[in-house]
Amino acid sequence: MREGWGTLAYYVLGVVQGAEFGTGIVEAKTDKKVPKLFCISGDVENGQLVKIVLKYIRDNPKAAHLNTPYLIIYAMRKAYPCLNK
């Protein structure tokens, strides 16, 4: 793995897990179902999440100025949308 990728992978994972945790907290506090921001399958590795974020930034250069957590969330939403069932 390239130098710095480990740190980046943990940062991305932290944002992803934080978003998922936040949804759970809101549901617990309000007793209401809250739509998930994204739906990642359980078998995705951290390195793949980083690649998804980097691809999103390359494909959307006008969004590159946004704060990193926003970019991560937008990338995950695009790559792992929640399908209405």
Protein backbone atom coordinates (compact mmCIF):
# COMPACT_ATOMS: atom_id res chain seq x y z
CA MET A 1 0.00 0.00 0.00
CA ARG A 2 1.30 3.46 -0.84
CA GLU A 3 2.56 5.68 1.95
CA GLY A 4 -0.29 7.58 3.58
CA TRP A 5 -2.98 5.24 2.28
CA GLY A 6 -3.41 3.60 5.69
CA THR A 7 -4.19 6.94 7.30
CA LEU A 8 -6.52 7.89 4.46
CA ALA A 9 -8.29 4.53 4.64
CA TYR A 10 -8.93 4.94 8.36
CA TYR A 11 -10.16 8.51 7.84
CA VAL A 12 -12.62 7.37 5.17
CA LEU A 13 -13.73 4.46 7.35
CA GLY A 14 -14.21 6.82 10.30
CA VAL A 15 -16.47 9.13 8.28
CA VAL A 16 -18.44 6.18 6.91
CA GLN A 17 -18.89 4.59 10.34
CA GLY A 18 -19.67 7.97 11.89
CA ALA A 19 -22.45 8.56 9.36
CA GLU A 20 -23.89 5.11 10.00
CA PHE A 21 -23.64 5.60 13.77
CA GLY A 22 -25.25 9.04 13.52
CA THR A 23 -28.26 7.57 11.74
CA GLY A 24 -28.66 5.03 14.53
CA ILE A 25 -28.44 7.73 17.21
CA VAL A 26 -31.11 9.85 15.52
CA GLU A 27 -33.39 6.81 15.26
CA ALA A 28 -32.84 5.95 18.93
CA LYS A 29 -33.51 9.54 20.06
CA THR A 30 -36.61 10.09 17.92
CA ASP A 31 -38.06 6.57 17.78
CA LYS A 32 -38.48 7.17 14.04
CA LYS A 33 -36.97 5.41 11.04
CA VAL A 34 -34.36 7.62 9.37
CA PRO A 35 -33.28 7.08 5.75
CA LYS A 36 -29.72 5.83 5.48
CA LEU A 37 -27.24 8.00 3.60
CA PHE A 38 -25.83 4.96 1.79
CA CYS A 39 -26.01 1.17 1.98
CA ILE A 40 -22.61 -0.51 1.93
CA SER A 41 -22.47 -4.28 1.82
CA GLY A 42 -20.47 -5.89 4.61
CA ASP A 43 -17.71 -7.27 2.38
CA VAL A 44 -16.10 -3.98 1.22
CA GLU A 45 -12.49 -3.37 2.24
CA ASN A 46 -11.16 0.00 3.41
CA GLY A 47 -8.90 0.31 0.38
CA GLN A 48 -11.89 -0.04 -1.92
CA LEU A 49 -13.67 2.78 -0.08
CA VAL A 50 -10.65 5.03 -0.64
CA LYS A 51 -10.61 4.20 -4.35
CA ILE A 52 -14.31 5.06 -4.59
CA VAL A 53 -13.70 8.46 -2.99
CA LEU A 54 -10.73 9.23 -5.23
CA LYS A 55 -12.69 8.22 -8.32
CA TYR A 56 -15.59 10.42 -7.25
CA ILE A 57 -13.26 13.41 -6.93
CA ARG A 58 -11.67 12.71 -10.34
CA ASP A 59 -15.11 12.35 -11.95
CA ASN A 60 -16.48 15.48 -10.20
CA PRO A 61 -13.66 18.04 -10.19
CA LYS A 62 -16.05 20.92 -9.50
CA ALA A 63 -16.86 19.29 -6.15
CA ALA A 64 -13.22 18.87 -5.13
CA HIS A 65 -13.30 22.08 -3.06
CA LEU A 66 -15.86 20.62 -0.63
CA ASN A 67 -14.84 19.47 2.83
CA THR A 68 -13.53 15.92 2.78
CA PRO A 69 -16.37 14.37 4.83
CA TYR A 70 -18.89 15.70 2.30
CA LEU A 71 -16.91 14.21 -0.56
CA ILE A 72 -16.79 10.86 1.22
CA ILE A 73 -20.56 10.87 1.85
CA TYR A 74 -21.34 11.89 -1.75
CA ALA A 75 -19.00 9.20 -3.08
CA MET A 76 -20.60 6.52 -0.90
CA ARG A 77 -24.11 7.63 -1.89
CA LYS A 78 -23.21 7.31 -5.55
CA ALA A 79 -21.42 3.97 -5.20
CA TYR A 80 -23.77 2.41 -2.64
CA PRO A 81 -27.26 3.84 -3.03
CA CYS A 82 -30.00 2.45 -0.84
CA LEU A 83 -32.61 0.80 -2.99
CA ASN A 84 -36.21 1.38 -2.00
CA LYS A 85 -37.85 -1.91 -1.20
